[in-house]
N, C-alpha and C. Protein backbone atom coordinates (compact mmCIF):
# COMPACT_ATOMS: atom_id res chain seq x y z
N MET A 1 115.48 137.49 -99.16
CA MET A 1 114.66 137.70 -98.00
C MET A 1 114.90 139.13 -97.49
N LYS A 2 113.83 139.78 -97.12
CA LYS A 2 113.89 141.12 -96.56
C LYS A 2 114.48 141.05 -95.15
N LYS A 3 115.13 142.11 -94.72
CA LYS A 3 115.73 142.14 -93.38
C LYS A 3 114.63 142.07 -92.32
N ILE A 4 114.81 141.17 -91.38
CA ILE A 4 113.86 141.01 -90.28
C ILE A 4 114.14 142.09 -89.24
N ASN A 5 113.12 142.86 -88.88
CA ASN A 5 113.32 143.94 -87.91
C ASN A 5 112.30 143.95 -86.79
N SER A 6 111.46 142.90 -86.71
CA SER A 6 110.44 142.89 -85.67
C SER A 6 109.95 141.46 -85.44
N PHE A 7 109.41 141.22 -84.26
CA PHE A 7 108.79 139.94 -83.93
C PHE A 7 107.28 140.10 -83.95
N ASN A 8 106.60 139.07 -84.42
CA ASN A 8 105.15 138.99 -84.36
C ASN A 8 104.85 137.77 -83.50
N ILE A 9 104.28 137.98 -82.33
CA ILE A 9 104.00 136.88 -81.40
C ILE A 9 102.52 136.53 -81.48
N ARG A 10 102.25 135.27 -81.77
CA ARG A 10 100.89 134.76 -81.92
C ARG A 10 100.67 133.68 -80.86
N VAL A 11 99.47 133.64 -80.29
CA VAL A 11 99.15 132.68 -79.24
C VAL A 11 97.88 131.93 -79.64
N TYR A 12 97.94 130.60 -79.59
CA TYR A 12 96.84 129.77 -80.06
C TYR A 12 96.38 128.76 -79.02
N GLY A 13 95.09 128.43 -79.07
CA GLY A 13 94.50 127.44 -78.19
C GLY A 13 94.23 126.14 -78.93
N LEU A 14 94.59 125.05 -78.31
CA LEU A 14 94.28 123.72 -78.82
C LEU A 14 93.14 123.18 -77.96
N PHE A 15 91.94 123.18 -78.52
CA PHE A 15 90.73 122.74 -77.82
C PHE A 15 90.33 121.38 -78.38
N ILE A 16 90.35 120.36 -77.53
CA ILE A 16 90.09 119.00 -77.96
C ILE A 16 88.88 118.47 -77.20
N ASN A 17 87.90 117.95 -77.95
CA ASN A 17 86.70 117.44 -77.31
C ASN A 17 86.83 115.94 -77.00
N GLY A 18 85.80 115.37 -76.41
CA GLY A 18 85.81 113.97 -76.01
C GLY A 18 85.78 112.98 -77.16
N LYS A 19 85.62 113.47 -78.39
CA LYS A 19 85.61 112.60 -79.57
C LYS A 19 86.96 112.59 -80.29
N ASN A 20 87.99 113.10 -79.63
CA ASN A 20 89.33 113.18 -80.22
C ASN A 20 89.35 114.13 -81.42
N GLU A 21 88.55 115.20 -81.33
CA GLU A 21 88.50 116.21 -82.38
C GLU A 21 89.08 117.51 -81.85
N ILE A 22 89.74 118.26 -82.74
CA ILE A 22 90.35 119.53 -82.37
C ILE A 22 89.61 120.66 -83.08
N LEU A 23 89.48 121.78 -82.39
CA LEU A 23 88.78 122.93 -82.94
C LEU A 23 89.66 123.67 -83.93
N LEU A 24 89.12 123.92 -85.12
CA LEU A 24 89.80 124.68 -86.16
C LEU A 24 89.04 125.97 -86.42
N ALA A 25 89.77 127.01 -86.76
CA ALA A 25 89.18 128.29 -87.14
C ALA A 25 89.44 128.50 -88.63
N ASP A 26 88.38 128.73 -89.37
CA ASP A 26 88.49 129.05 -90.79
C ASP A 26 88.25 130.55 -90.92
N GLU A 27 89.18 131.25 -91.55
CA GLU A 27 89.09 132.70 -91.65
C GLU A 27 89.38 133.19 -93.05
N LYS A 28 88.99 134.41 -93.29
CA LYS A 28 89.40 135.11 -94.50
C LYS A 28 89.99 136.44 -94.05
N ARG A 29 91.29 136.61 -94.29
CA ARG A 29 91.99 137.85 -93.93
C ARG A 29 92.93 138.22 -95.06
N PHE A 30 93.01 139.49 -95.31
CA PHE A 30 93.88 140.00 -96.36
C PHE A 30 93.58 139.32 -97.70
N GLY A 31 92.31 138.98 -97.91
CA GLY A 31 91.89 138.34 -99.15
C GLY A 31 92.27 136.88 -99.27
N MET A 32 92.75 136.29 -98.19
CA MET A 32 93.24 134.90 -98.20
C MET A 32 92.38 134.02 -97.30
N LEU A 33 91.95 132.87 -97.81
CA LEU A 33 91.27 131.88 -96.99
C LEU A 33 92.33 131.09 -96.23
N MET A 34 92.09 130.89 -94.94
CA MET A 34 93.06 130.15 -94.13
C MET A 34 92.35 129.29 -93.09
N THR A 35 93.01 128.21 -92.72
CA THR A 35 92.55 127.36 -91.63
C THR A 35 93.67 127.29 -90.62
N LYS A 36 93.33 127.56 -89.36
CA LYS A 36 94.33 127.62 -88.30
C LYS A 36 93.66 127.25 -86.99
N PHE A 37 94.40 127.37 -85.90
CA PHE A 37 93.83 127.17 -84.59
C PHE A 37 93.32 128.50 -84.06
N PRO A 38 92.32 128.49 -83.19
CA PRO A 38 91.82 129.76 -82.63
C PRO A 38 92.92 130.48 -81.86
N GLY A 39 92.94 131.78 -81.99
CA GLY A 39 93.93 132.60 -81.30
C GLY A 39 94.33 133.77 -82.16
N GLY A 40 95.38 134.46 -81.75
CA GLY A 40 95.80 135.61 -82.52
C GLY A 40 97.00 136.31 -81.92
N GLY A 41 97.15 137.56 -82.29
CA GLY A 41 98.34 138.32 -81.97
C GLY A 41 98.34 138.93 -80.58
N MET A 42 99.50 138.83 -79.94
CA MET A 42 99.69 139.41 -78.62
C MET A 42 99.88 140.92 -78.76
N GLN A 43 99.25 141.66 -77.86
CA GLN A 43 99.34 143.11 -77.86
C GLN A 43 100.38 143.56 -76.83
N TYR A 44 100.93 144.74 -77.02
CA TYR A 44 101.88 145.29 -76.05
C TYR A 44 101.23 145.38 -74.67
N GLY A 45 102.00 145.01 -73.64
CA GLY A 45 101.51 145.05 -72.27
C GLY A 45 100.68 143.84 -71.88
N GLU A 46 100.65 142.82 -72.73
CA GLU A 46 99.83 141.64 -72.51
C GLU A 46 100.72 140.42 -72.40
N GLY A 47 100.38 139.51 -71.50
CA GLY A 47 101.08 138.23 -71.42
C GLY A 47 100.44 137.23 -72.36
N THR A 48 101.09 136.09 -72.55
CA THR A 48 100.59 135.11 -73.51
C THR A 48 99.23 134.54 -73.10
N ILE A 49 99.06 134.23 -71.83
CA ILE A 49 97.79 133.67 -71.37
C ILE A 49 96.69 134.71 -71.45
N ASP A 50 96.99 135.95 -71.04
CA ASP A 50 95.99 137.02 -71.18
C ASP A 50 95.59 137.20 -72.63
N CYS A 51 96.55 137.11 -73.53
CA CYS A 51 96.28 137.23 -74.97
C CYS A 51 95.30 136.15 -75.42
N LEU A 52 95.58 134.91 -75.06
CA LEU A 52 94.73 133.81 -75.51
C LEU A 52 93.32 133.92 -74.92
N LYS A 53 93.23 134.31 -73.67
CA LYS A 53 91.90 134.48 -73.06
C LYS A 53 91.13 135.61 -73.75
N ARG A 54 91.82 136.69 -74.09
CA ARG A 54 91.16 137.80 -74.80
C ARG A 54 90.71 137.35 -76.18
N GLU A 55 91.58 136.65 -76.90
CA GLU A 55 91.22 136.17 -78.23
C GLU A 55 90.01 135.22 -78.17
N ALA A 56 89.94 134.36 -77.15
CA ALA A 56 88.80 133.45 -77.01
C ALA A 56 87.51 134.23 -76.77
N ARG A 57 87.59 135.28 -75.96
CA ARG A 57 86.40 136.11 -75.75
C ARG A 57 85.99 136.80 -77.05
N GLU A 58 86.98 137.34 -77.78
CA GLU A 58 86.68 138.07 -79.02
C GLU A 58 86.17 137.15 -80.13
N GLU A 59 86.84 136.03 -80.35
CA GLU A 59 86.50 135.16 -81.47
C GLU A 59 85.36 134.20 -81.15
N LEU A 60 85.38 133.63 -79.95
CA LEU A 60 84.43 132.58 -79.59
C LEU A 60 83.33 133.05 -78.64
N GLY A 61 83.55 134.19 -77.99
CA GLY A 61 82.57 134.69 -77.02
C GLY A 61 82.53 133.84 -75.76
N GLN A 62 83.66 133.21 -75.42
CA GLN A 62 83.69 132.27 -74.28
C GLN A 62 84.93 132.47 -73.42
N GLU A 63 84.77 132.13 -72.16
CA GLU A 63 85.89 132.10 -71.23
C GLU A 63 86.53 130.71 -71.33
N ILE A 64 87.85 130.69 -71.17
CA ILE A 64 88.58 129.42 -71.29
C ILE A 64 89.49 129.20 -70.08
N GLU A 65 89.90 127.96 -69.95
CA GLU A 65 90.88 127.57 -68.94
C GLU A 65 92.11 127.05 -69.68
N ILE A 66 93.27 127.50 -69.26
CA ILE A 66 94.52 127.00 -69.84
C ILE A 66 94.92 125.76 -69.06
N VAL A 67 95.07 124.63 -69.76
CA VAL A 67 95.48 123.39 -69.11
C VAL A 67 96.99 123.40 -68.91
N HIS A 68 97.74 123.65 -69.98
CA HIS A 68 99.18 123.85 -69.88
C HIS A 68 99.77 124.25 -71.22
N HIS A 69 101.00 124.78 -71.15
CA HIS A 69 101.73 125.14 -72.36
C HIS A 69 102.02 123.86 -73.13
N PHE A 70 101.85 123.92 -74.46
CA PHE A 70 102.10 122.74 -75.28
C PHE A 70 103.36 122.89 -76.14
N TYR A 71 103.48 124.02 -76.84
CA TYR A 71 104.59 124.14 -77.78
C TYR A 71 104.82 125.61 -78.12
N THR A 72 106.09 125.97 -78.27
CA THR A 72 106.49 127.27 -78.83
C THR A 72 107.40 126.98 -80.00
N THR A 73 107.18 127.68 -81.11
CA THR A 73 108.00 127.41 -82.28
C THR A 73 109.48 127.50 -81.91
N ASP A 74 110.24 126.53 -82.43
CA ASP A 74 111.66 126.46 -82.12
C ASP A 74 112.49 126.53 -83.40
N PHE A 75 111.91 127.15 -84.42
CA PHE A 75 112.60 127.33 -85.69
C PHE A 75 112.24 128.72 -86.22
N PHE A 76 113.06 129.21 -87.14
CA PHE A 76 112.78 130.51 -87.73
C PHE A 76 111.58 130.40 -88.66
N GLN A 77 110.64 131.34 -88.51
CA GLN A 77 109.50 131.41 -89.40
C GLN A 77 109.22 132.86 -89.75
N GLN A 78 109.32 133.17 -91.00
CA GLN A 78 109.00 134.52 -91.47
C GLN A 78 107.48 134.66 -91.52
N SER A 79 106.99 135.82 -91.18
CA SER A 79 105.55 136.08 -91.22
C SER A 79 105.04 135.96 -92.65
N ALA A 80 103.87 135.36 -92.79
CA ALA A 80 103.26 135.22 -94.11
C ALA A 80 102.69 136.55 -94.61
N PHE A 81 102.53 137.51 -93.69
CA PHE A 81 101.87 138.75 -94.06
C PHE A 81 102.77 139.98 -94.01
N ASN A 82 103.98 139.83 -93.45
CA ASN A 82 104.92 140.94 -93.40
C ASN A 82 106.34 140.37 -93.47
N GLU A 83 107.00 140.57 -94.58
CA GLU A 83 108.32 139.97 -94.82
C GLU A 83 109.38 140.42 -93.82
N SER A 84 109.18 141.54 -93.14
CA SER A 84 110.19 142.03 -92.21
C SER A 84 109.94 141.55 -90.77
N HIS A 85 108.93 140.68 -90.59
CA HIS A 85 108.63 140.17 -89.25
C HIS A 85 108.98 138.70 -89.11
N GLN A 86 109.54 138.37 -87.96
CA GLN A 86 109.75 136.97 -87.59
C GLN A 86 108.56 136.56 -86.74
N LEU A 87 108.00 135.42 -87.04
CA LEU A 87 106.82 134.92 -86.34
C LEU A 87 107.24 133.97 -85.22
N ILE A 88 106.67 134.17 -84.05
CA ILE A 88 106.83 133.25 -82.93
C ILE A 88 105.42 132.83 -82.53
N SER A 89 105.15 131.53 -82.56
CA SER A 89 103.81 131.02 -82.23
C SER A 89 103.89 130.18 -80.96
N ILE A 90 102.93 130.42 -80.07
CA ILE A 90 102.87 129.74 -78.78
C ILE A 90 101.52 129.03 -78.69
N TYR A 91 101.55 127.76 -78.32
CA TYR A 91 100.34 126.93 -78.28
C TYR A 91 100.08 126.43 -76.87
N TYR A 92 98.82 126.50 -76.45
CA TYR A 92 98.39 126.00 -75.16
C TYR A 92 97.27 125.00 -75.34
N LEU A 93 97.29 123.91 -74.56
CA LEU A 93 96.13 123.04 -74.46
C LEU A 93 95.12 123.76 -73.58
N CYS A 94 93.88 123.82 -74.03
CA CYS A 94 92.85 124.61 -73.33
C CYS A 94 91.54 123.83 -73.27
N ARG A 95 90.65 124.34 -72.44
CA ARG A 95 89.27 123.84 -72.43
C ARG A 95 88.34 124.99 -72.11
N PHE A 96 87.09 124.82 -72.50
CA PHE A 96 86.08 125.84 -72.23
C PHE A 96 85.59 125.70 -70.81
N ILE A 97 85.37 126.82 -70.15
CA ILE A 97 84.86 126.79 -68.78
C ILE A 97 83.40 126.38 -68.78
N ASP A 98 82.62 126.93 -69.70
CA ASP A 98 81.20 126.60 -69.83
C ASP A 98 80.97 125.85 -71.13
N LYS A 99 79.76 125.34 -71.29
CA LYS A 99 79.37 124.66 -72.53
C LYS A 99 79.59 125.59 -73.72
N GLU A 100 80.04 125.03 -74.81
CA GLU A 100 80.28 125.82 -76.02
C GLU A 100 78.98 126.46 -76.48
N GLU A 101 79.05 127.76 -76.74
CA GLU A 101 77.87 128.49 -77.19
C GLU A 101 78.04 129.10 -78.57
N PHE A 102 79.22 129.00 -79.16
CA PHE A 102 79.45 129.57 -80.47
C PHE A 102 78.96 128.60 -81.55
N ARG A 103 78.73 129.13 -82.74
CA ARG A 103 78.22 128.32 -83.84
C ARG A 103 79.34 127.44 -84.40
N LEU A 104 79.03 126.17 -84.55
CA LEU A 104 79.95 125.21 -85.16
C LEU A 104 79.45 124.86 -86.55
N SER A 105 80.37 124.62 -87.44
CA SER A 105 80.03 124.26 -88.81
C SER A 105 80.53 122.85 -89.11
N ASP A 106 79.98 122.27 -90.16
CA ASP A 106 80.43 120.96 -90.62
C ASP A 106 81.38 121.07 -91.80
N LYS A 107 81.53 122.29 -92.34
CA LYS A 107 82.35 122.44 -93.53
C LYS A 107 83.30 123.63 -93.38
N PRO A 108 84.42 123.61 -94.10
CA PRO A 108 85.38 124.72 -94.02
C PRO A 108 84.82 126.02 -94.59
N HIS A 109 85.26 127.12 -94.01
CA HIS A 109 84.94 128.47 -94.49
C HIS A 109 83.45 128.68 -94.67
N ASP A 110 82.70 128.31 -93.65
CA ASP A 110 81.25 128.43 -93.67
C ASP A 110 80.86 129.78 -93.06
N PHE A 111 81.07 130.84 -93.82
CA PHE A 111 80.73 132.17 -93.32
C PHE A 111 80.23 133.04 -94.46
N ASN A 112 79.65 134.15 -94.06
CA ASN A 112 79.14 135.12 -95.01
C ASN A 112 80.31 135.96 -95.49
N ASP A 113 80.59 135.93 -96.75
CA ASP A 113 81.76 136.61 -97.31
C ASP A 113 81.68 138.14 -97.23
N ILE A 114 80.54 138.68 -96.84
CA ILE A 114 80.44 140.14 -96.74
C ILE A 114 80.89 140.65 -95.36
N ASP A 115 81.09 139.74 -94.41
CA ASP A 115 81.59 140.14 -93.10
C ASP A 115 82.98 140.75 -93.25
N LEU A 116 83.30 141.73 -92.40
CA LEU A 116 84.60 142.38 -92.47
C LEU A 116 85.74 141.41 -92.22
N GLU A 117 85.63 140.59 -91.20
CA GLU A 117 86.63 139.57 -90.89
C GLU A 117 85.91 138.24 -90.67
N PRO A 118 85.51 137.58 -91.76
CA PRO A 118 84.74 136.34 -91.62
C PRO A 118 85.53 135.24 -90.92
N ILE A 119 84.81 134.51 -90.04
CA ILE A 119 85.43 133.40 -89.32
C ILE A 119 84.35 132.36 -89.02
N SER A 120 84.71 131.10 -89.11
CA SER A 120 83.81 130.02 -88.70
C SER A 120 84.66 128.97 -87.98
N PHE A 121 83.99 128.13 -87.22
CA PHE A 121 84.67 127.12 -86.40
C PHE A 121 84.10 125.75 -86.67
N ARG A 122 84.98 124.75 -86.59
CA ARG A 122 84.56 123.37 -86.76
C ARG A 122 85.56 122.46 -86.06
N TYR A 123 85.07 121.28 -85.69
CA TYR A 123 85.94 120.26 -85.12
C TYR A 123 86.31 119.26 -86.22
N LYS A 124 87.54 118.76 -86.12
CA LYS A 124 88.01 117.71 -87.04
C LYS A 124 88.82 116.71 -86.23
N ASN A 125 88.66 115.44 -86.55
CA ASN A 125 89.37 114.39 -85.84
C ASN A 125 90.88 114.62 -85.95
N ILE A 126 91.56 114.55 -84.82
CA ILE A 126 93.01 114.81 -84.77
C ILE A 126 93.77 113.92 -85.73
N ASN A 127 93.41 112.65 -85.78
CA ASN A 127 94.14 111.70 -86.62
C ASN A 127 93.83 111.82 -88.10
N GLU A 128 92.84 112.63 -88.46
CA GLU A 128 92.49 112.83 -89.87
C GLU A 128 93.04 114.13 -90.43
N ILE A 129 93.73 114.90 -89.62
CA ILE A 129 94.27 116.18 -90.09
C ILE A 129 95.62 115.95 -90.75
N SER A 130 95.77 116.51 -91.93
CA SER A 130 97.04 116.44 -92.65
C SER A 130 97.54 117.86 -92.89
N ASP A 131 98.74 117.97 -93.41
CA ASP A 131 99.32 119.29 -93.68
C ASP A 131 98.42 120.14 -94.56
N GLU A 132 97.72 119.52 -95.49
CA GLU A 132 96.85 120.26 -96.41
C GLU A 132 95.67 120.92 -95.69
N ASN A 133 95.33 120.44 -94.49
CA ASN A 133 94.20 120.99 -93.75
C ASN A 133 94.54 122.26 -92.98
N LEU A 134 95.82 122.56 -92.81
CA LEU A 134 96.25 123.74 -92.05
C LEU A 134 97.06 124.66 -92.95
N SER A 135 96.84 125.96 -92.82
CA SER A 135 97.45 126.93 -93.73
C SER A 135 98.89 127.29 -93.41
N PHE A 136 99.30 127.15 -92.15
CA PHE A 136 100.59 127.71 -91.75
C PHE A 136 101.54 126.65 -91.19
N PRO A 137 102.84 126.80 -91.46
CA PRO A 137 103.85 125.81 -91.03
C PRO A 137 103.89 125.61 -89.51
N THR A 138 103.72 126.67 -88.73
CA THR A 138 103.81 126.51 -87.27
C THR A 138 102.63 125.68 -86.75
N ASP A 139 101.44 125.87 -87.33
CA ASP A 139 100.28 125.06 -86.94
C ASP A 139 100.49 123.59 -87.32
N ARG A 140 101.09 123.37 -88.48
CA ARG A 140 101.36 121.99 -88.91
C ARG A 140 102.33 121.30 -87.94
N CYS A 141 103.33 122.03 -87.52
CA CYS A 141 104.31 121.47 -86.58
C CYS A 141 103.63 121.12 -85.25
N ALA A 142 102.81 122.03 -84.73
CA ALA A 142 102.09 121.76 -83.48
C ALA A 142 101.18 120.55 -83.64
N MET A 143 100.52 120.44 -84.79
CA MET A 143 99.62 119.30 -85.03
C MET A 143 100.39 118.00 -85.10
N HIS A 144 101.56 118.00 -85.75
CA HIS A 144 102.37 116.78 -85.82
C HIS A 144 102.77 116.34 -84.42
N LEU A 145 103.16 117.28 -83.58
CA LEU A 145 103.53 116.93 -82.20
C LEU A 145 102.34 116.38 -81.44
N LEU A 146 101.20 116.99 -81.63
CA LEU A 146 99.99 116.53 -80.96
C LEU A 146 99.63 115.11 -81.39
N GLN A 147 99.69 114.84 -82.67
CA GLN A 147 99.38 113.50 -83.18
C GLN A 147 100.40 112.48 -82.70
N ARG A 148 101.67 112.84 -82.71
CA ARG A 148 102.72 111.91 -82.34
C ARG A 148 102.71 111.58 -80.85
N GLU A 149 102.51 112.57 -80.04
CA GLU A 149 102.64 112.37 -78.60
C GLU A 149 101.34 111.98 -77.91
N ASP A 150 100.26 111.90 -78.70
CA ASP A 150 98.97 111.51 -78.11
C ASP A 150 98.63 112.42 -76.93
N CYS A 151 99.01 113.69 -77.04
CA CYS A 151 98.83 114.63 -75.94
C CYS A 151 97.40 115.01 -75.68
N TYR A 152 96.52 114.69 -76.60
CA TYR A 152 95.13 115.08 -76.39
C TYR A 152 94.54 114.44 -75.14
N ARG A 153 95.11 113.34 -74.71
CA ARG A 153 94.59 112.70 -73.49
C ARG A 153 94.80 113.60 -72.26
N LYS A 154 95.81 114.46 -72.30
CA LYS A 154 96.08 115.36 -71.17
C LYS A 154 94.95 116.36 -70.97
N ILE A 155 94.26 116.70 -72.04
CA ILE A 155 93.17 117.67 -71.92
C ILE A 155 91.98 117.03 -71.18
N GLN A 156 91.82 115.74 -71.33
CA GLN A 156 90.71 115.06 -70.69
C GLN A 156 91.09 114.59 -69.28
N ASN A 157 92.36 114.31 -69.04
CA ASN A 157 92.83 113.83 -67.74
C ASN A 157 94.10 114.57 -67.36
N PRO A 158 94.02 115.88 -67.06
CA PRO A 158 95.24 116.64 -66.75
C PRO A 158 95.91 116.19 -65.46
């Protein structure tokens, strides 16, 4: 393992609809297809909530409300894209302030491959998601906690 010399902080939103489905983001970055939760990297001078709200505006074109903090990784995770970075992922239960206006898909990776940073969104039933459906270990851990604790009810009745 390469010497770790930096932290990479990522902030993600867990958006759950009334059908017990969670929003997934399918992306292609660095030549790799991935499925994850909406969100991204925190910038210098930015707090975690500001980061997630900015990412929602950039990726989804929508304003969001943070319901509450759900999970922060509590184990060592090396970045998948930079061997010298330690990854810290922070997850929040969220909801949209207004009706969803972004395009939803029924299938994974439903985007035009010529886009610079292709991304598509879809909902999937929480209880039907397995490790194979998510690309990264931290997302899998958050999903296991969500499935185990039945926390999705908090989004509907905070």
